[in-house]
Amino acid sequence: MNCLECDAQVAVPSDAIQGEILTCRECGTSFELVRTGSEGLFALQPAELEEEDWGE
């Protein structure tokens, strides 16, 4: 799969699961794996990472 930000190759492990977070090695953008309608195929969507709440 290609990164949605920089178009670099993003490697998807053979044992990948729904909701797994992958990071582009080129630009550092994080993506979440989501299932497509086809069995065993995934798509990338921007990951919604929670930021730390330093007690604010």
Protein backbone atom coordinates (compact mmCIF):
# COMPACT_ATOMS: atom_id res chain seq x y z
CA MET A 1 0.00 0.00 0.00
CA ASN A 2 1.08 3.57 -0.51
CA CYS A 3 1.15 6.33 2.10
CA LEU A 4 -1.73 8.77 1.69
CA GLU A 5 0.58 11.70 2.54
CA CYS A 6 3.85 11.09 0.67
CA ASP A 7 3.00 8.12 -1.60
CA ALA A 8 5.85 5.99 -0.16
CA GLN A 9 5.37 2.24 0.19
CA VAL A 10 3.83 1.18 3.54
CA ALA A 11 4.51 -2.45 4.37
CA VAL A 12 1.53 -4.43 5.68
CA PRO A 13 2.50 -7.56 7.65
CA SER A 14 1.04 -10.88 6.50
CA ASP A 15 -0.56 -11.35 9.94
CA ALA A 16 -2.12 -7.85 10.01
CA ILE A 17 -5.42 -7.37 11.86
CA GLN A 18 -8.24 -4.82 11.74
CA GLY A 19 -7.35 -1.69 13.71
CA GLU A 20 -3.58 -2.23 13.61
CA ILE A 21 -1.57 1.00 13.45
CA LEU A 22 1.12 1.29 10.77
CA THR A 23 3.58 4.15 10.38
CA CYS A 24 5.09 5.40 7.13
CA ARG A 25 8.90 5.12 7.28
CA GLU A 26 9.32 8.15 5.03
CA CYS A 27 7.09 10.83 6.60
CA GLY A 28 6.09 9.30 9.96
CA THR A 29 2.33 9.51 9.36
CA SER A 30 0.32 6.86 11.27
CA PHE A 31 -2.48 4.90 9.65
CA GLU A 32 -5.08 2.44 10.89
CA LEU A 33 -5.85 -0.70 8.91
CA VAL A 34 -9.53 -1.08 8.05
CA ARG A 35 -11.16 -3.99 6.23
CA THR A 36 -12.55 -3.44 2.79
CA GLY A 37 -15.51 -5.36 1.38
CA SER A 38 -13.18 -8.01 -0.04
CA GLU A 39 -12.13 -10.85 2.24
CA GLY A 40 -8.63 -10.36 3.63
CA LEU A 41 -8.03 -6.96 2.04
CA PHE A 42 -7.27 -3.79 3.97
CA ALA A 43 -7.28 -0.07 3.31
CA LEU A 44 -5.40 2.69 5.12
CA GLN A 45 -7.13 5.52 6.92
CA PRO A 46 -5.48 8.25 9.01
CA ALA A 47 -5.08 7.03 12.58
CA GLU A 48 -6.85 8.96 15.31
CA LEU A 49 -4.16 8.84 17.96
CA GLU A 50 -5.04 10.02 21.44
CA GLU A 51 -2.72 12.62 22.84
CA GLU A 52 -1.70 12.59 26.46
CA ASP A 53 -3.74 14.75 28.80
CA TRP A 54 -1.18 16.20 31.18
CA GLY A 55 -3.88 16.90 33.76
CA GLU A 56 -5.25 19.90 31.95
